[in-house]
Amino acid sequence: MKKTLAIVLALVMVLCMIPAMSADTTTNKTVSDKNYTLIVKSVGTQVGDVAEEKQANSITYNYNFEKEDADVTGKWSEKTKMAYVTIKGLDDDLVNDVTVTIDGKKLDSSIPGVGFSAGEVSFPVELTKAGYSDTYLVQITGKNATNDVTVTETAKVSVKLVNTAAYKDAKTATITNISSDKKVVDAYIVGSKIYLDYVATPGEAHIKLTFADENGRAFSAITYANEPSKIAAICLDGYTIPADQCQKLDKSVAKFYVNGQEDKEIKFKLETAGALYETKKYDIVVRKEIKEADPKGIYFAEPTKTIAVGESFTPVVMGVATSKRVDADINPGTGTDAQVVDVKDAKTVIGTREGVAYIQASYTTNAGVKYLSTGSMKIVVTAGPSIPPVDKTTTYYVTCRNLNVRKGPGTSYGKNGMIHRGDAVQVVEIKNGWAKLANGTYVASKYIAK
């Protein structure tokens, strides 16, 4: 009897324990092999493309790396460009105590825009210049609203990142001329140094640079320079130069703003529709209270010039004491028939009708000393060509300060005069490093450009 009673009591105790045990037990739920709504969008460039795929586990995101903004969250490097991948459609029971791992590593949800929220999870990926494809194993673990179901959902997502930016050929540009308002600053280049010699204390000024391409030719296509300037223009579509730093070249010339506090080193960059150009590195040397050497008078390098109707040329004016070319203004001489020649921009003389004319030159040093040419230059304008006719010529311009003209194609030939930077020459042919001019003389071809 006692044995039977003990067995009954034991059964009662077991039955009483069963509900208590059931109340402490949670259910595990595993979710995998689902399709999702996938979204990829840039972190920095809110106006960029947004990719979206529904009922999928793979997605392709197209972006322009060159137009992407760098990190705006402060979490990554300021040079890093990022995007968010968002997975929507996670299990409805993922509500409480949710944690996320990406390829086994816990996701840092302290980054703005990253982490789990309302049935979706977002994680970052880096945007690179080359682009790439990767597959991410995303595991989300959490509990339902009553905390009696533990849910583990595994999503395997493939992301393809494609950079759509079109890259241009990288080429070398050269500076063939530099000029400035010498009353404020005298700008010139010696080797790899750009000198800015200010007449007084360094301050605001502009300098003009003439550029040439890798073949020494002037830029004829639409070209932009991307150094800051106060005459900035809006770049065309397809150009990578920031709008606040671009200016369109005018006949291969760009105008740059200087303030006397320039960086010690600089490279000039240019861009056409098909190529990116960059000059060599220049050291900027700023000097103050540098007065121009007094030329003690000016004179024309040639006393007489014969040109044809419609032909133009730039007279060369020299300093008496310095024997250097000066950037003088040209004006018709007293009593000259205005119909025989026209003077453009106070620099270029154009033959307009047969006859004889005279021109004079004026020059003011940066110290304020004014000079008039010691004599006039005689211009004879003829109806026909002023040089022996040839089948075909091409106009080139001198790119160095002084260029010897020789009687034959080589330094062993005698000199036949000298021409100067900016002078136009008519070239018949270029061969073995020497250019044959229309008048039968020669110059070294590396010192001229179209």
Protein backbone atom coordinates (compact mmCIF):
# COMPACT_ATOMS: atom_id res chain seq x y z
CA MET A 1 0.00 0.00 0.00
CA LYS A 2 2.76 2.37 0.92
CA LYS A 3 4.55 1.56 -2.36
CA THR A 4 1.45 2.33 -4.44
CA LEU A 5 0.93 5.66 -2.65
CA ALA A 6 4.55 6.68 -3.36
CA ILE A 7 4.14 6.01 -7.07
CA VAL A 8 0.95 8.09 -7.24
CA LEU A 9 2.60 11.01 -5.45
CA ALA A 10 5.53 10.89 -7.85
CA LEU A 11 3.23 11.01 -10.89
CA VAL A 12 1.39 13.99 -9.46
CA MET A 13 4.65 15.86 -8.96
CA VAL A 14 5.74 15.19 -12.56
CA LEU A 15 2.44 16.38 -13.95
CA CYS A 16 2.68 19.57 -11.89
CA MET A 17 6.14 20.32 -13.23
CA ILE A 18 5.29 20.03 -16.96
CA PRO A 19 3.56 23.47 -17.35
CA ALA A 20 6.40 25.21 -15.53
CA MET A 21 8.98 23.66 -17.83
CA SER A 22 7.00 24.60 -20.93
CA ALA A 23 6.80 28.26 -19.86
CA ASP A 24 10.62 28.59 -19.80
CA THR A 25 11.21 27.08 -23.25
CA THR A 26 11.49 29.32 -26.40
CA THR A 27 11.03 28.21 -29.97
CA ASN A 28 13.83 28.50 -32.55
CA LYS A 29 13.00 29.59 -36.10
CA THR A 30 15.38 29.43 -39.04
CA VAL A 31 14.81 31.29 -42.33
CA SER A 32 16.91 30.97 -45.50
CA ASP A 33 16.78 30.68 -49.29
CA LYS A 34 14.46 33.65 -49.73
CA ASN A 35 14.32 36.38 -52.33
CA TYR A 36 14.32 40.03 -51.26
CA THR A 37 13.91 43.57 -52.45
CA LEU A 38 17.48 44.84 -52.87
CA ILE A 39 18.46 48.52 -53.09
CA VAL A 40 21.89 50.11 -53.62
CA LYS A 41 22.45 53.87 -53.40
CA SER A 42 25.42 56.17 -52.89
CA VAL A 43 26.35 57.47 -49.46
CA GLY A 44 27.66 60.81 -50.73
CA THR A 45 25.97 61.58 -54.04
CA GLN A 46 22.26 61.77 -53.40
CA VAL A 47 21.53 62.70 -57.01
CA GLY A 48 23.28 59.60 -58.36
CA ASP A 49 21.71 56.41 -59.66
CA VAL A 50 19.72 54.17 -57.29
CA ALA A 51 19.51 50.49 -58.19
CA GLU A 52 16.55 48.34 -57.08
CA GLU A 53 15.67 44.70 -57.70
CA LYS A 54 12.53 42.96 -56.40
CA GLN A 55 12.25 39.26 -55.61
CA ALA A 56 15.99 38.83 -56.13
CA ASN A 57 19.21 37.96 -54.36
CA SER A 58 21.57 39.73 -56.76
CA ILE A 59 21.83 43.34 -57.94
CA THR A 60 24.00 45.54 -60.19
CA TYR A 61 24.77 49.15 -59.25
CA ASN A 62 26.09 51.58 -61.87
CA TYR A 63 27.88 54.72 -60.66
CA ASN A 64 30.24 57.38 -61.96
CA PHE A 65 33.28 57.22 -59.72
CA GLU A 66 34.55 60.65 -60.79
CA LYS A 67 31.29 62.37 -59.85
CA GLU A 68 30.81 60.53 -56.58
CA ASP A 69 31.27 62.51 -53.39
CA ALA A 70 33.73 61.21 -50.83
CA ASP A 71 32.67 60.04 -47.37
CA VAL A 72 30.09 62.37 -45.81
CA THR A 73 29.46 60.36 -42.63
CA GLY A 74 32.85 60.95 -41.03
CA LYS A 75 33.23 57.23 -40.37
CA TRP A 76 35.44 56.40 -43.33
CA SER A 77 38.40 58.15 -44.94
CA GLU A 78 37.54 61.49 -46.53
CA LYS A 79 38.83 60.08 -49.82
CA THR A 80 36.70 56.92 -49.65
CA LYS A 81 33.53 56.69 -51.72
CA MET A 82 30.80 54.45 -50.33
CA ALA A 83 27.32 53.07 -51.03
CA TYR A 84 24.61 51.39 -48.94
CA VAL A 85 23.16 47.96 -49.76
CA THR A 86 19.67 47.53 -48.29
CA ILE A 87 17.86 44.20 -47.94
CA LYS A 88 14.10 44.53 -47.52
CA GLY A 89 11.57 41.81 -46.69
CA LEU A 90 13.12 40.16 -43.63
CA ASP A 91 11.03 37.90 -41.41
CA ASP A 92 8.24 39.67 -39.51
CA ASP A 93 9.26 38.02 -36.24
CA LEU A 94 12.59 39.86 -36.19
CA VAL A 95 11.63 42.55 -33.68
CA ASN A 96 13.66 42.50 -30.46
CA ASP A 97 17.37 42.16 -29.64
CA VAL A 98 18.35 42.03 -33.32
CA THR A 99 22.01 41.59 -34.24
CA VAL A 100 23.49 41.48 -37.75
CA THR A 101 26.69 39.91 -39.03
CA ILE A 102 28.18 40.32 -42.50
CA ASP A 103 30.42 37.40 -43.48
CA GLY A 104 30.69 36.53 -39.79
CA LYS A 105 31.62 40.04 -38.64
CA LYS A 106 29.21 42.03 -36.49
CA LEU A 107 27.79 45.03 -38.33
CA ASP A 108 28.67 48.40 -36.79
CA SER A 109 25.26 50.07 -36.48
CA SER A 110 26.76 53.29 -35.08
CA ILE A 111 27.33 54.53 -38.65
CA PRO A 112 24.45 56.71 -39.90
CA GLY A 113 22.26 54.74 -42.30
CA VAL A 114 23.73 51.36 -41.31
CA GLY A 115 22.00 48.60 -39.31
CA PHE A 116 18.59 46.96 -38.81
CA SER A 117 15.25 48.77 -38.81
CA ALA A 118 11.64 47.65 -39.40
CA GLY A 119 12.22 44.50 -41.39
CA GLU A 120 15.23 45.67 -43.36
CA VAL A 121 18.98 45.88 -42.94
CA SER A 122 21.56 48.16 -44.59
CA PHE A 123 25.32 47.69 -44.78
CA PRO A 124 28.11 49.67 -46.52
CA VAL A 125 30.22 48.74 -49.55
CA GLU A 126 33.12 50.72 -51.01
CA LEU A 127 32.91 52.19 -54.51
CA THR A 128 36.18 51.85 -56.38
CA LYS A 129 37.53 53.12 -59.66
CA ALA A 130 37.84 49.56 -61.02
CA GLY A 131 34.49 48.28 -59.73
CA TYR A 132 34.03 44.67 -58.52
CA SER A 133 31.56 41.88 -57.69
CA ASP A 134 31.13 40.25 -54.29
CA THR A 135 28.72 37.92 -52.47
CA TYR A 136 27.81 38.73 -48.88
CA LEU A 137 26.52 36.24 -46.28
CA VAL A 138 24.20 38.29 -44.09
CA GLN A 139 22.88 36.73 -40.87
CA ILE A 140 20.19 38.44 -38.80
CA THR A 141 19.31 37.07 -35.35
CA GLY A 142 16.55 38.35 -33.03
CA LYS A 143 13.34 37.59 -31.16
CA ASN A 144 9.68 38.07 -31.84
CA ALA A 145 7.47 40.61 -30.07
CA THR A 146 6.73 38.28 -27.11
CA ASN A 147 10.32 37.07 -26.87
CA ASP A 148 9.27 33.41 -27.09
CA VAL A 149 10.63 32.79 -30.62
CA THR A 150 14.29 33.20 -31.57
CA VAL A 151 14.65 33.87 -35.28
CA THR A 152 17.81 33.38 -37.35
CA GLU A 153 17.55 34.50 -40.97
CA THR A 154 20.39 34.00 -43.45
CA ALA A 155 20.50 35.99 -46.70
CA LYS A 156 23.05 35.38 -49.41
CA VAL A 157 23.27 38.51 -51.57
CA SER A 158 25.45 39.13 -54.65
CA VAL A 159 26.32 42.76 -55.52
CA LYS A 160 28.01 43.91 -58.73
CA LEU A 161 29.47 47.45 -58.69
CA VAL A 162 30.13 48.98 -62.12
CA ASN A 163 31.99 52.28 -62.63
CA THR A 164 30.53 53.95 -65.72
CA ALA A 165 32.99 56.86 -65.86
CA ALA A 166 34.74 57.23 -69.22
CA TYR A 167 38.44 57.82 -68.72
CA LYS A 168 40.53 59.93 -71.03
CA ASP A 169 44.07 59.58 -72.32
CA ALA A 170 46.69 61.22 -70.12
CA LYS A 171 49.01 63.52 -72.07
CA THR A 172 51.61 66.20 -71.47
CA ALA A 173 51.05 69.91 -72.02
CA THR A 174 53.66 72.67 -72.18
CA ILE A 175 53.63 76.40 -71.52
CA THR A 176 54.83 78.33 -74.56
CA ASN A 177 54.35 81.85 -73.26
CA ILE A 178 53.56 83.78 -70.09
CA SER A 179 52.56 87.42 -69.91
CA SER A 180 51.19 89.91 -67.42
CA ASP A 181 50.55 93.58 -66.77
CA LYS A 182 54.13 94.60 -66.08
CA LYS A 183 52.96 97.68 -64.27
CA VAL A 184 51.85 95.34 -61.48
CA VAL A 185 53.83 92.12 -61.85
CA ASP A 186 56.38 90.82 -64.33
CA ALA A 187 55.72 87.10 -64.89
CA TYR A 188 58.25 84.93 -66.69
CA ILE A 189 59.55 81.37 -66.76
CA VAL A 190 63.13 80.22 -66.30
CA GLY A 191 63.45 76.44 -66.55
CA SER A 192 61.08 74.96 -63.96
CA LYS A 193 60.52 78.22 -62.09
CA ILE A 194 57.77 80.78 -62.59
CA TYR A 195 58.85 84.16 -61.30
CA LEU A 196 56.28 86.70 -60.17
CA ASP A 197 58.22 89.94 -59.75
CA TYR A 198 55.90 92.52 -58.22
CA VAL A 199 56.66 96.19 -58.75
CA ALA A 200 55.50 96.92 -55.20
CA THR A 201 53.97 94.73 -52.47
CA PRO A 202 52.53 91.43 -53.81
CA GLY A 203 48.78 91.61 -54.37
CA GLU A 204 45.97 90.73 -56.75
CA ALA A 205 46.85 90.41 -60.44
CA HIS A 206 46.29 88.23 -63.49
CA ILE A 207 48.75 86.37 -65.66
CA LYS A 208 48.16 84.83 -69.08
CA LEU A 209 49.58 81.45 -70.04
CA THR A 210 49.74 80.07 -73.57
CA PHE A 211 49.62 76.27 -73.71
CA ALA A 212 50.59 73.69 -76.31
CA ASP A 213 49.78 69.98 -76.57
CA GLU A 214 52.19 67.03 -76.53
CA ASN A 215 53.20 67.82 -80.13
CA GLY A 216 53.89 71.47 -79.41
CA ARG A 217 50.72 72.60 -81.17
CA ALA A 218 48.25 75.13 -79.88
CA PHE A 219 44.93 73.72 -78.63
CA SER A 220 42.37 74.09 -81.40
CA ALA A 221 39.59 71.96 -79.88
CA ILE A 222 37.45 73.12 -76.95
CA THR A 223 39.81 73.01 -73.98
CA TYR A 224 39.39 73.88 -70.33
CA ALA A 225 42.01 74.64 -67.72
CA ASN A 226 41.23 73.63 -64.15
CA GLU A 227 43.15 76.00 -61.97
CA PRO A 228 41.04 78.51 -60.01
CA SER A 229 40.39 81.77 -61.85
CA LYS A 230 38.11 84.75 -61.40
CA ILE A 231 36.80 84.23 -64.93
CA ALA A 232 35.52 80.69 -64.33
CA ALA A 233 33.05 79.26 -66.83
CA ILE A 234 30.74 76.26 -66.67
CA CYS A 235 32.41 73.18 -68.15
CA LEU A 236 30.62 71.15 -70.77
CA ASP A 237 29.10 67.73 -70.08
CA GLY A 238 31.73 65.03 -70.17
CA TYR A 239 34.38 67.15 -68.44
CA THR A 240 35.64 66.23 -65.00
CA ILE A 241 36.80 69.72 -64.02
CA PRO A 242 34.78 71.28 -61.15
CA ALA A 243 32.59 74.12 -62.42
CA ASP A 244 34.13 76.62 -60.03
CA GLN A 245 37.62 75.85 -61.28
CA CYS A 246 37.26 75.73 -65.04
CA GLN A 247 37.84 78.26 -67.75
CA LYS A 248 37.72 77.85 -71.49
CA LEU A 249 40.95 78.52 -73.36
CA ASP A 250 40.88 81.36 -75.87
CA LYS A 251 43.25 80.57 -78.74
CA SER A 252 45.21 78.29 -76.40
CA VAL A 253 45.47 81.05 -73.75
CA ALA A 254 44.18 80.90 -70.18
CA LYS A 255 44.02 83.72 -67.65
CA PHE A 256 44.96 82.96 -64.04
CA TYR A 257 44.42 84.93 -60.88
CA VAL A 258 47.39 85.42 -58.53
CA ASN A 259 47.56 87.18 -55.19
CA GLY A 260 51.24 87.06 -54.27
CA GLN A 261 50.75 84.16 -51.87
CA GLU A 262 50.86 81.29 -54.34
CA ASP A 263 51.79 77.73 -53.46
CA LYS A 264 55.46 76.92 -53.86
CA GLU A 265 54.73 74.23 -56.46
CA ILE A 266 52.05 73.92 -59.12
CA LYS A 267 51.06 71.79 -62.09
CA PHE A 268 48.67 73.15 -64.67
CA LYS A 269 45.93 70.79 -65.85
CA LEU A 270 43.84 70.99 -69.01
CA GLU A 271 41.09 68.86 -70.49
CA THR A 272 39.61 68.28 -73.93
CA ALA A 273 36.74 66.02 -74.89
CA GLY A 274 39.17 63.15 -75.36
CA ALA A 275 42.23 63.73 -73.18
CA LEU A 276 43.57 65.06 -69.90
CA TYR A 277 46.73 67.17 -70.06
CA GLU A 278 49.17 68.10 -67.34
CA THR A 279 52.28 70.27 -67.40
CA LYS A 280 55.47 69.56 -65.54
CA LYS A 281 55.80 70.85 -62.00
CA TYR A 282 56.79 74.50 -61.58
CA ASP A 283 58.18 76.24 -58.52
CA ILE A 284 56.53 79.62 -57.92
CA VAL A 285 58.92 82.36 -56.84
CA VAL A 286 57.25 85.54 -55.56
CA ARG A 287 59.43 88.63 -55.20
CA LYS A 288 58.49 92.18 -54.28
CA GLU A 289 59.69 95.65 -55.21
CA ILE A 290 61.42 94.42 -58.37
CA LYS A 291 61.84 97.24 -60.85
CA GLU A 292 62.20 96.54 -64.56
CA ALA A 293 65.61 97.22 -66.07
CA ASP A 294 65.34 100.56 -67.82
CA PRO A 295 65.65 99.98 -71.61
CA LYS A 296 66.81 103.61 -72.07
CA GLY A 297 64.73 103.84 -75.24
CA ILE A 298 63.11 101.49 -77.76
CA TYR A 299 63.51 100.79 -81.46
CA PHE A 300 62.11 98.52 -84.19
CA ALA A 301 64.19 95.40 -84.89
CA GLU A 302 63.43 95.85 -88.62
CA PRO A 303 63.33 99.32 -90.19
CA THR A 304 61.24 98.16 -93.17
CA LYS A 305 58.73 95.41 -93.81
CA THR A 306 56.95 94.39 -97.04
CA ILE A 307 53.63 92.59 -96.74
CA ALA A 308 50.77 91.71 -99.05
CA VAL A 309 47.21 92.98 -98.80
CA GLY A 310 45.53 90.83 -96.14
CA GLU A 311 48.82 89.71 -94.63
CA SER A 312 49.57 90.43 -90.97
CA PHE A 313 52.61 90.46 -88.73
CA THR A 314 53.67 91.53 -85.23
CA PRO A 315 56.54 94.04 -85.23
CA VAL A 316 59.42 93.31 -82.87
CA VAL A 317 60.44 96.20 -80.61
CA MET A 318 63.73 96.09 -78.68
CA GLY A 319 65.14 97.92 -75.69
CA VAL A 320 68.17 100.11 -76.45
CA ALA A 321 70.12 99.36 -73.27
CA THR A 322 68.83 95.82 -72.60
CA SER A 323 68.81 94.46 -76.18
CA LYS A 324 65.68 92.54 -75.15
CA ARG A 325 62.28 92.49 -76.75
CA VAL A 326 59.69 94.68 -75.04
CA ASP A 327 55.91 94.32 -75.18
CA ALA A 328 55.30 97.66 -76.83
CA ASP A 329 52.09 99.10 -78.22
CA ILE A 330 51.99 99.75 -81.98
CA ASN A 331 50.24 102.74 -83.50
CA PRO A 332 50.04 104.22 -87.01
CA GLY A 333 52.63 106.94 -87.51
CA THR A 334 51.79 110.61 -88.00
CA GLY A 335 50.39 111.27 -91.47
CA THR A 336 49.96 107.59 -92.34
CA ASP A 337 47.03 106.76 -94.61
CA ALA A 338 44.66 104.75 -92.40
CA GLN A 339 43.52 102.75 -95.43
CA VAL A 340 46.96 101.20 -96.07
CA VAL A 341 47.36 99.37 -92.75
CA ASP A 342 45.21 98.47 -89.77
CA VAL A 343 46.60 97.86 -86.28
CA LYS A 344 44.76 95.25 -84.23
CA ASP A 345 44.90 95.28 -80.42
CA ALA A 346 47.89 97.65 -80.61
CA LYS A 347 50.07 94.65 -81.54
CA THR A 348 49.36 93.26 -85.02
CA VAL A 349 49.73 95.15 -88.30
CA ILE A 350 47.47 94.13 -91.20
CA GLY A 351 47.90 95.24 -94.80
CA THR A 352 44.58 96.60 -96.10
CA ARG A 353 45.49 98.44 -99.35
CA GLU A 354 48.51 98.94 -101.59
CA GLY A 355 50.72 101.76 -100.48
CA VAL A 356 53.29 102.88 -97.93
CA ALA A 357 52.62 103.42 -94.23
CA TYR A 358 54.64 104.12 -91.10
CA ILE A 359 54.12 102.81 -87.59
CA GLN A 360 55.46 103.92 -84.24
CA ALA A 361 55.91 102.10 -80.92
CA SER A 362 55.33 103.21 -77.34
CA TYR A 363 56.29 101.48 -74.12
CA THR A 364 55.97 102.16 -70.40
CA THR A 365 58.20 100.35 -67.93
CA ASN A 366 56.75 99.07 -64.68
CA ALA A 367 58.57 101.93 -63.00
CA GLY A 368 56.40 104.36 -65.01
CA VAL A 369 59.08 105.50 -67.48
CA LYS A 370 57.56 106.11 -70.95
CA TYR A 371 59.37 105.74 -74.27
CA LEU A 372 58.53 106.29 -77.93
CA SER A 373 60.43 104.49 -80.64
CA THR A 374 63.46 106.41 -81.90
CA GLY A 375 62.13 106.14 -85.43
CA SER A 376 59.20 104.88 -87.45
CA MET A 377 58.99 101.53 -89.22
CA LYS A 378 58.18 101.67 -92.91
CA ILE A 379 55.47 99.27 -94.11
CA VAL A 380 55.16 98.59 -97.84
CA VAL A 381 51.88 96.91 -98.78
CA THR A 382 51.78 95.15 -102.13
CA ALA A 383 48.95 93.58 -104.10
CA GLY A 384 50.66 90.19 -104.41
CA PRO A 385 52.49 87.93 -101.97
CA SER A 386 55.51 89.48 -100.29
CA ILE A 387 57.48 86.21 -100.46
CA PRO A 388 58.14 83.77 -103.31
CA PRO A 389 55.03 81.63 -103.83
CA VAL A 390 55.09 77.99 -102.72
CA ASP A 391 52.61 75.18 -103.18
CA LYS A 392 51.50 75.10 -99.54
CA THR A 393 52.55 76.64 -96.25
CA THR A 394 51.43 76.23 -92.65
CA THR A 395 51.52 79.00 -90.05
CA TYR A 396 53.60 78.29 -86.97
CA TYR A 397 54.50 80.51 -84.02
CA VAL A 398 57.83 80.88 -82.27
CA THR A 399 57.72 79.44 -78.72
CA CYS A 400 61.15 80.47 -77.39
CA ARG A 401 62.43 83.92 -76.48
CA ASN A 402 64.87 84.25 -79.41
CA LEU A 403 65.25 81.88 -82.37
CA ASN A 404 68.09 81.93 -84.89
CA VAL A 405 67.13 81.78 -88.56
CA ARG A 406 69.72 79.87 -90.60
CA LYS A 407 70.57 79.57 -94.28
CA GLY A 408 70.35 75.79 -94.18
CA PRO A 409 68.96 72.91 -92.07
CA GLY A 410 71.63 72.76 -89.37
CA THR A 411 73.65 74.76 -86.88
CA SER A 412 76.64 74.59 -89.20
CA TYR A 413 74.86 76.92 -91.61
CA GLY A 414 75.26 80.65 -91.21
CA LYS A 415 72.71 82.82 -89.42
CA ASN A 416 70.21 84.76 -91.47
CA GLY A 417 68.61 86.84 -88.72
CA MET A 418 66.61 86.20 -85.58
CA ILE A 419 62.91 85.89 -84.77
CA HIS A 420 61.20 86.06 -81.42
CA ARG A 421 58.52 84.47 -79.28
CA GLY A 422 55.06 84.93 -80.77
CA ASP A 423 56.31 85.69 -84.28
CA ALA A 424 54.43 83.90 -87.06
CA VAL A 425 56.38 81.97 -89.70
CA GLN A 426 55.20 80.20 -92.84
CA VAL A 427 56.53 76.64 -92.92
CA VAL A 428 56.88 74.67 -96.14
CA GLU A 429 58.04 71.39 -94.58
CA ILE A 430 59.58 69.92 -91.42
CA LYS A 431 62.29 67.32 -91.78
CA ASN A 432 65.01 65.96 -89.48
CA GLY A 433 64.25 68.53 -86.79
CA TRP A 434 64.40 71.56 -89.09
CA ALA A 435 61.58 73.63 -90.54
CA LYS A 436 61.97 75.11 -94.00
CA LEU A 437 60.35 78.53 -94.24
CA ALA A 438 58.62 79.95 -97.29
CA ASN A 439 61.53 82.35 -97.93
CA GLY A 440 64.00 79.46 -98.15
CA THR A 441 65.57 79.83 -94.68
CA TYR A 442 65.42 77.32 -91.79
CA VAL A 443 64.68 77.23 -88.05
CA ALA A 444 64.81 74.42 -85.49
CA SER A 445 61.35 72.84 -85.52
CA LYS A 446 61.22 72.14 -81.77
CA TYR A 447 60.94 75.87 -81.09
CA ILE A 448 57.81 76.50 -83.19
CA ALA A 449 54.20 75.39 -82.77
CA LYS A 450 50.90 75.81 -84.59
